[in-house]
PDB file of N, CA and C in Angstrom:
ATOM      1  N   GLY A   1      83.320  80.675  50.872  1.00  0.00           N
ATOM      2  CA  GLY A   1      84.335  79.706  50.544  1.00  0.00           C
ATOM      3  C   GLY A   1      85.707  80.333  50.602  1.00  0.00           C
ATOM      4  N   SER A   2      86.678  79.530  50.349  1.00  0.00           N
ATOM      5  CA  SER A   2      88.048  80.027  50.330  1.00  0.00           C
ATOM      6  C   SER A   2      88.795  79.401  49.162  1.00  0.00           C
ATOM      7  N   SER A   3      89.898  80.025  48.796  1.00  0.00           N
ATOM      8  CA  SER A   3      90.720  79.498  47.722  1.00  0.00           C
ATOM      9  C   SER A   3      92.184  79.655  48.094  1.00  0.00           C
ATOM     10  N   LEU A   4      93.012  78.820  47.501  1.00  0.00           N
ATOM     11  CA  LEU A   4      94.445  78.854  47.743  1.00  0.00           C
ATOM     12  C   LEU A   4      95.132  79.207  46.436  1.00  0.00           C
ATOM     13  N   LEU A   5      96.025  80.177  46.491  1.00  0.00           N
ATOM     14  CA  LEU A   5      96.795  80.577  45.327  1.00  0.00           C
ATOM     15  C   LEU A   5      98.258  80.290  45.614  1.00  0.00           C
ATOM     16  N   ALA A   6      98.868  79.442  44.804  1.00  0.00           N
ATOM     17  CA  ALA A   6     100.277  79.092  44.955  1.00  0.00           C
ATOM     18  C   ALA A   6     101.105  79.996  44.041  1.00  0.00           C
ATOM     19  N   VAL A   7     101.895  80.893  44.627  1.00  0.00           N
ATOM     20  CA  VAL A   7     102.697  81.856  43.882  1.00  0.00           C
ATOM     21  C   VAL A   7     104.140  81.364  43.848  1.00  0.00           C
ATOM     22  N   PRO A   8     104.699  81.080  42.677  1.00  0.00           N
ATOM     23  CA  PRO A   8     106.084  80.630  42.607  1.00  0.00           C
ATOM     24  C   PRO A   8     107.035  81.719  43.122  1.00  0.00           C
ATOM     25  N   HIS A   9     107.969  81.350  44.018  1.00  0.00           N
ATOM     26  CA  HIS A   9     108.896  82.355  44.537  1.00  0.00           C
ATOM     27  C   HIS A   9     110.209  82.418  43.760  1.00  0.00           C
ATOM     28  N   GLY A  10     110.513  81.426  42.950  1.00  0.00           N
ATOM     29  CA  GLY A  10     111.673  81.489  42.076  1.00  0.00           C
ATOM     30  C   GLY A  10     113.019  81.226  42.722  1.00  0.00           C
ATOM     31  N   VAL A  11     113.044  80.806  43.985  1.00  0.00           N
ATOM     32  CA  VAL A  11     114.302  80.501  44.653  1.00  0.00           C
ATOM     33  C   VAL A  11     114.641  79.045  44.384  1.00  0.00           C
ATOM     34  N   SER A  12     115.829  78.798  43.864  1.00  0.00           N
ATOM     35  CA  SER A  12     116.204  77.425  43.533  1.00  0.00           C
ATOM     36  C   SER A  12     116.955  76.766  44.690  1.00  0.00           C
ATOM     37  N   GLY A  13     116.985  75.446  44.681  1.00  0.00           N
ATOM     38  CA  GLY A  13     117.742  74.683  45.667  1.00  0.00           C
ATOM     39  C   GLY A  13     117.200  74.772  47.073  1.00  0.00           C
ATOM     40  N   MET A  14     115.888  74.862  47.227  1.00  0.00           N
ATOM     41  CA  MET A  14     115.295  74.993  48.555  1.00  0.00           C
ATOM     42  C   MET A  14     114.891  73.651  49.159  1.00  0.00           C
ATOM     43  N   ASP A  15     115.545  72.561  48.744  1.00  0.00           N
ATOM     44  CA  ASP A  15     115.181  71.255  49.286  1.00  0.00           C
ATOM     45  C   ASP A  15     115.618  71.107  50.739  1.00  0.00           C
ATOM     46  N   VAL A  16     116.666  71.808  51.158  1.00  0.00           N
ATOM     47  CA  VAL A  16     117.092  71.827  52.559  1.00  0.00           C
ATOM     48  C   VAL A  16     117.193  73.289  52.966  1.00  0.00           C
ATOM     49  N   TRP A  17     116.383  73.683  53.936  1.00  0.00           N
ATOM     50  CA  TRP A  17     116.411  75.075  54.354  1.00  0.00           C
ATOM     51  C   TRP A  17     116.157  75.195  55.844  1.00  0.00           C
ATOM     52  N   GLN A  18     116.502  76.340  56.350  1.00  0.00           N
ATOM     53  CA  GLN A  18     116.398  76.589  57.786  1.00  0.00           C
ATOM     54  C   GLN A  18     115.245  77.513  58.140  1.00  0.00           C
ATOM     55  N   GLY A  19     114.621  78.122  57.167  1.00  0.00           N
ATOM     56  CA  GLY A  19     113.496  79.005  57.443  1.00  0.00           C
ATOM     57  C   GLY A  19     113.353  80.077  56.387  1.00  0.00           C
ATOM     58  N   MET A  20     112.225  80.774  56.415  1.00  0.00           N
ATOM     59  CA  MET A  20     111.956  81.829  55.449  1.00  0.00           C
ATOM     60  C   MET A  20     111.158  82.923  56.145  1.00  0.00           C
ATOM     61  N   GLU A  21     111.468  84.165  55.813  1.00  0.00           N
ATOM     62  CA  GLU A  21     110.701  85.308  56.296  1.00  0.00           C
ATOM     63  C   GLU A  21     110.112  86.005  55.079  1.00  0.00           C
ATOM     64  N   ILE A  22     108.818  86.206  55.101  1.00  0.00           N
ATOM     65  CA  ILE A  22     108.129  86.824  53.971  1.00  0.00           C
ATOM     66  C   ILE A  22     107.535  88.148  54.436  1.00  0.00           C
ATOM     67  N   SER A  23     107.858  89.221  53.745  1.00  0.00           N
ATOM     68  CA  SER A  23     107.192  90.488  54.018  1.00  0.00           C
ATOM     69  C   SER A  23     106.553  90.964  52.722  1.00  0.00           C
ATOM     70  N   ILE A  24     105.397  91.541  52.852  1.00  0.00           N
ATOM     71  CA  ILE A  24     104.645  91.988  51.693  1.00  0.00           C
ATOM     72  C   ILE A  24     104.620  93.509  51.733  1.00  0.00           C
ATOM     73  N   ARG A  25     105.024  94.135  50.667  1.00  0.00           N
ATOM     74  CA  ARG A  25     105.092  95.590  50.624  1.00  0.00           C
ATOM     75  C   ARG A  25     104.211  96.160  49.516  1.00  0.00           C
ATOM     76  N   THR A  26     103.020  95.636  49.405  1.00  0.00           N
ATOM     77  CA  THR A  26     102.076  96.117  48.412  1.00  0.00           C
ATOM     78  C   THR A  26     101.358  97.342  48.979  1.00  0.00           C
ATOM     79  N   PRO A  27     101.502  98.505  48.352  1.00  0.00           N
ATOM     80  CA  PRO A  27     100.853  99.712  48.882  1.00  0.00           C
ATOM     81  C   PRO A  27      99.335  99.551  49.019  1.00  0.00           C
ATOM     82  N   ARG A  28      98.802 100.014  50.114  1.00  0.00           N
ATOM     83  CA  ARG A  28      97.365 100.056  50.427  1.00  0.00           C
ATOM     84  C   ARG A  28      96.734  98.699  50.701  1.00  0.00           C
ATOM     85  N   TYR A  29      97.430  97.600  50.460  1.00  0.00           N
ATOM     86  CA  TYR A  29      96.845  96.283  50.688  1.00  0.00           C
ATOM     87  C   TYR A  29      97.807  95.399  51.481  1.00  0.00           C
ATOM     88  N   PRO A  30      97.941  95.654  52.780  1.00  0.00           N
ATOM     89  CA  PRO A  30      98.856  94.837  53.576  1.00  0.00           C
ATOM     90  C   PRO A  30      98.335  93.404  53.700  1.00  0.00           C
ATOM     91  N   VAL A  31      99.218  92.475  53.880  1.00  0.00           N
ATOM     92  CA  VAL A  31      98.841  91.081  54.114  1.00  0.00           C
ATOM     93  C   VAL A  31      99.359  90.705  55.482  1.00  0.00           C
ATOM     94  N   PRO A  32      98.547  90.203  56.404  1.00  0.00           N
ATOM     95  CA  PRO A  32      97.187  89.774  56.130  1.00  0.00           C
ATOM     96  C   PRO A  32      96.256  90.960  55.886  1.00  0.00           C
ATOM     97  N   TYR A  33      95.367  90.775  54.929  1.00  0.00           N
ATOM     98  CA  TYR A  33      94.364  91.767  54.582  1.00  0.00           C
ATOM     99  C   TYR A  33      93.036  91.263  55.118  1.00  0.00           C
ATOM    100  N   MET A  34      92.367  92.094  55.907  1.00  0.00           N
ATOM    101  CA  MET A  34      91.106  91.661  56.501  1.00  0.00           C
ATOM    102  C   MET A  34      90.033  92.705  56.254  1.00  0.00           C
ATOM    103  N   GLU A  35      88.830  92.219  55.991  1.00  0.00           N
ATOM    104  CA  GLU A  35      87.652  93.072  55.918  1.00  0.00           C
ATOM    105  C   GLU A  35      86.495  92.283  56.498  1.00  0.00           C
ATOM    106  N   ALA A  36      85.351  92.914  56.630  1.00  0.00           N
ATOM    107  CA  ALA A  36      84.212  92.268  57.287  1.00  0.00           C
ATOM    108  C   ALA A  36      83.834  90.934  56.650  1.00  0.00           C
ATOM    109  N   GLY A  37      84.016  90.799  55.337  1.00  0.00           N
ATOM    110  CA  GLY A  37      83.569  89.594  54.654  1.00  0.00           C
ATOM    111  C   GLY A  37      84.611  88.507  54.463  1.00  0.00           C
ATOM    112  N   GLY A  38      85.853  88.726  54.887  1.00  0.00           N
ATOM    113  CA  GLY A  38      86.862  87.688  54.686  1.00  0.00           C
ATOM    114  C   GLY A  38      88.274  88.216  54.844  1.00  0.00           C
ATOM    115  N   TYR A  39      89.232  87.456  54.327  1.00  0.00           N
ATOM    116  CA  TYR A  39      90.629  87.815  54.508  1.00  0.00           C
ATOM    117  C   TYR A  39      91.499  87.229  53.394  1.00  0.00           C
ATOM    118  N   THR A  40      92.713  87.757  53.281  1.00  0.00           N
ATOM    119  CA  THR A  40      93.772  87.199  52.457  1.00  0.00           C
ATOM    120  C   THR A  40      95.009  87.134  53.333  1.00  0.00           C
ATOM    121  N   THR A  41      95.672  85.988  53.363  1.00  0.00           N
ATOM    122  CA  THR A  41      96.855  85.829  54.208  1.00  0.00           C
ATOM    123  C   THR A  41      97.837  84.853  53.583  1.00  0.00           C
ATOM    124  N   VAL A  42      99.086  84.917  54.019  1.00  0.00           N
ATOM    125  CA  VAL A  42     100.052  83.896  53.638  1.00  0.00           C
ATOM    126  C   VAL A  42      99.793  82.704  54.544  1.00  0.00           C
ATOM    127  N   GLU A  43      99.379  81.602  53.954  1.00  0.00           N
ATOM    128  CA  GLU A  43      99.050  80.411  54.729  1.00  0.00           C
ATOM    129  C   GLU A  43     100.276  79.565  55.011  1.00  0.00           C
ATOM    130  N   SER A  44     101.143  79.461  54.018  1.00  0.00           N
ATOM    131  CA  SER A  44     102.336  78.633  54.172  1.00  0.00           C
ATOM    132  C   SER A  44     103.291  78.921  53.032  1.00  0.00           C
ATOM    133  N   TYR A  45     104.435  78.260  53.064  1.00  0.00           N
ATOM    134  CA  TYR A  45     105.365  78.332  51.952  1.00  0.00           C
ATOM    135  C   TYR A  45     105.986  76.964  51.761  1.00  0.00           C
ATOM    136  N   SER A  46     106.511  76.748  50.575  1.00  0.00           N
ATOM    137  CA  SER A  46     107.119  75.455  50.265  1.00  0.00           C
ATOM    138  C   SER A  46     108.437  75.688  49.545  1.00  0.00           C
ATOM    139  N   GLU A  47     109.036  74.627  49.075  1.00  0.00           N
ATOM    140  CA  GLU A  47     110.302  74.722  48.353  1.00  0.00           C
ATOM    141  C   GLU A  47     110.173  75.507  47.057  1.00  0.00           C
ATOM    142  N   THR A  48     108.940  75.639  46.550  1.00  0.00           N
ATOM    143  CA  THR A  48     108.736  76.290  45.257  1.00  0.00           C
ATOM    144  C   THR A  48     107.736  77.444  45.263  1.00  0.00           C
ATOM    145  N   HIS A  49     106.869  77.532  46.292  1.00  0.00           N
ATOM    146  CA  HIS A  49     105.760  78.497  46.253  1.00  0.00           C
ATOM    147  C   HIS A  49     105.522  79.189  47.598  1.00  0.00           C
ATOM    148  N   ILE A  50     104.902  80.365  47.519  1.00  0.00           N
ATOM    149  CA  ILE A  50     104.290  81.030  48.660  1.00  0.00           C
ATOM    150  C   ILE A  50     102.793  80.818  48.484  1.00  0.00           C
ATOM    151  N   ASN A  51     102.130  80.290  49.491  1.00  0.00           N
ATOM    152  CA  ASN A  51     100.715  79.939  49.374  1.00  0.00           C
ATOM    153  C   ASN A  51      99.833  80.979  50.063  1.00  0.00           C
ATOM    154  N   LEU A  52      99.027  81.661  49.270  1.00  0.00           N
ATOM    155  CA  LEU A  52      98.099  82.666  49.787  1.00  0.00           C
ATOM    156  C   LEU A  52      96.702  82.069  49.917  1.00  0.00           C
ATOM    157  N   ARG A  53      96.057  82.311  51.054  1.00  0.00           N
ATOM    158  CA  ARG A  53      94.676  81.863  51.277  1.00  0.00           C
ATOM    159  C   ARG A  53      93.766  83.073  51.184  1.00  0.00           C
ATOM    160  N   ASN A  54      92.737  82.958  50.381  1.00  0.00           N
ATOM    161  CA  ASN A  54      91.728  83.995  50.218  1.00  0.00           C
ATOM    162  C   ASN A  54      90.404  83.420  50.700  1.00  0.00           C
ATOM    163  N   SER A  55      89.720  84.134  51.584  1.00  0.00           N
ATOM    164  CA  SER A  55      88.513  83.587  52.182  1.00  0.00           C
ATOM    165  C   SER A  55      87.368  84.589  52.135  1.00  0.00           C
ATOM    166  N   GLY A  56      86.157  84.066  52.067  1.00  0.00           N
ATOM    167  CA  GLY A  56      84.967  84.904  52.126  1.00  0.00           C
ATOM    168  C   GLY A  56      84.733  85.690  50.855  1.00  0.00           C
ATOM    169  N   SER A  57      84.293  86.937  51.017  1.00  0.00           N
ATOM    170  CA  SER A  57      83.915  87.747  49.871  1.00  0.00           C
ATOM    171  C   SER A  57      85.067  88.613  49.341  1.00  0.00           C
ATOM    172  N   VAL A  58      86.277  88.440  49.869  1.00  0.00           N
ATOM    173  CA  VAL A  58      87.414  89.216  49.380  1.00  0.00           C
ATOM    174  C   VAL A  58      87.767  88.735  47.983  1.00  0.00           C
ATOM    175  N   THR A  59      87.796  89.658  47.033  1.00  0.00           N
ATOM    176  CA  THR A  59      88.172  89.315  45.665  1.00  0.00           C
ATOM    177  C   THR A  59      89.242  90.292  45.187  1.00  0.00           C
ATOM    178  N   TRP A  60      90.093  89.810  44.295  1.00  0.00           N
ATOM    179  CA  TRP A  60      91.162  90.636  43.741  1.00  0.00           C
ATOM    180  C   TRP A  60      91.080  90.562  42.229  1.00  0.00           C
ATOM    181  N   GLY A  61      91.166  91.704  41.585  1.00  0.00           N
ATOM    182  CA  GLY A  61      91.167  91.738  40.131  1.00  0.00           C
ATOM    183  C   GLY A  61      92.487  91.227  39.575  1.00  0.00           C
ATOM    184  N   SER A  62      92.480  90.862  38.325  1.00  0.00           N
ATOM    185  CA  SER A  62      93.682  90.320  37.700  1.00  0.00           C
ATOM    186  C   SER A  62      94.798  91.354  37.614  1.00  0.00           C
ATOM    187  N   GLY A  63      94.485  92.621  37.788  1.00  0.00           N
ATOM    188  CA  GLY A  63      95.494  93.666  37.740  1.00  0.00           C
ATOM    189  C   GLY A  63      96.224  93.900  39.047  1.00  0.00           C
ATOM    190  N   ARG A  64      95.840  93.206  40.120  1.00  0.00           N
ATOM    191  CA  ARG A  64      96.481  93.392  41.428  1.00  0.00           C
ATOM    192  C   ARG A  64      97.897  92.849  41.377  1.00  0.00           C
ATOM    193  N   THR A  65      98.868  93.663  41.771  1.00  0.00           N
ATOM    194  CA  THR A  65     100.263  93.235  41.834  1.00  0.00           C
ATOM    195  C   THR A  65     100.692  93.191  43.287  1.00  0.00           C
ATOM    196  N   TRP A  66     101.250  92.074  43.726  1.00  0.00           N
ATOM    197  CA  TRP A  66     101.764  91.909  45.081  1.00  0.00           C
ATOM    198  C   TRP A  66     103.279  91.889  45.021  1.00  0.00           C
ATOM    199  N   TYR A  67     103.919  92.502  45.982  1.00  0.00           N
ATOM    200  CA  TYR A  67     105.382  92.514  46.064  1.00  0.00           C
ATOM    201  C   TYR A  67     105.806  91.778  47.327  1.00  0.00           C
ATOM    202  N   PHE A  68     106.624  90.741  47.162  1.00  0.00           N
ATOM    203  CA  PHE A  68     107.101  89.935  48.278  1.00  0.00           C
ATOM    204  C   PHE A  68     108.605  90.104  48.438  1.00  0.00           C
ATOM    205  N   ASP A  69     109.054  90.339  49.637  1.00  0.00           N
ATOM    206  CA  ASP A  69     110.478  90.289  49.958  1.00  0.00           C
ATOM    207  C   ASP A  69     110.678  88.979  50.720  1.00  0.00           C
ATOM    208  N   VAL A  70     111.558  88.139  50.213  1.00  0.00           N
ATOM    209  CA  VAL A  70     111.772  86.824  50.819  1.00  0.00           C
ATOM    210  C   VAL A  70     113.210  86.757  51.331  1.00  0.00           C
ATOM    211  N   LYS A  71     113.353  86.471  52.627  1.00  0.00           N
ATOM    212  CA  LYS A  71     114.658  86.248  53.230  1.00  0.00           C
ATOM    213  C   LYS A  71     114.694  84.788  53.656  1.00  0.00           C
ATOM    214  N   TYR A  72     115.773  84.084  53.327  1.00  0.00           N
ATOM    215  CA  TYR A  72     115.824  82.671  53.641  1.00  0.00           C
ATOM    216  C   TYR A  72     117.246  82.256  53.963  1.00  0.00           C
ATOM    217  N   VAL A  73     117.339  81.127  54.643  1.00  0.00           N
ATOM    218  CA  VAL A  73     118.633  80.533  54.990  1.00  0.00           C
ATOM    219  C   VAL A  73     118.624  79.107  54.470  1.00  0.00           C
ATOM    220  N   LYS A  74     119.610  78.799  53.640  1.00  0.00           N
ATOM    221  CA  LYS A  74     119.743  77.427  53.137  1.00  0.00           C
ATOM    222  C   LYS A  74     120.876  76.750  53.906  1.00  0.00           C
ATOM    223  N   ALA A  75     120.721  75.463  54.133  1.00  0.00           N
ATOM    224  CA  ALA A  75     121.744  74.707  54.865  1.00  0.00           C
ATOM    225  C   ALA A  75     122.963  74.492  53.996  1.00  0.00           C
TER     226      ALA A  75
END
């Protein structure tokens, strides 16, 4: 199976925007993260969240910390 995790990005006023670039700088766990049993990837983003898709047997403990650098252009 797969699951979707919506991570709030905290950027306000994103109702009109021109695009977003997301880079993940989590040591040892690059995204997209792939292994034989599944994957974790950024599926999409919205005005309020970055949406991560986790699929297959990939699991993350509650102690996993992800670092996102978000570059965006607002109109």
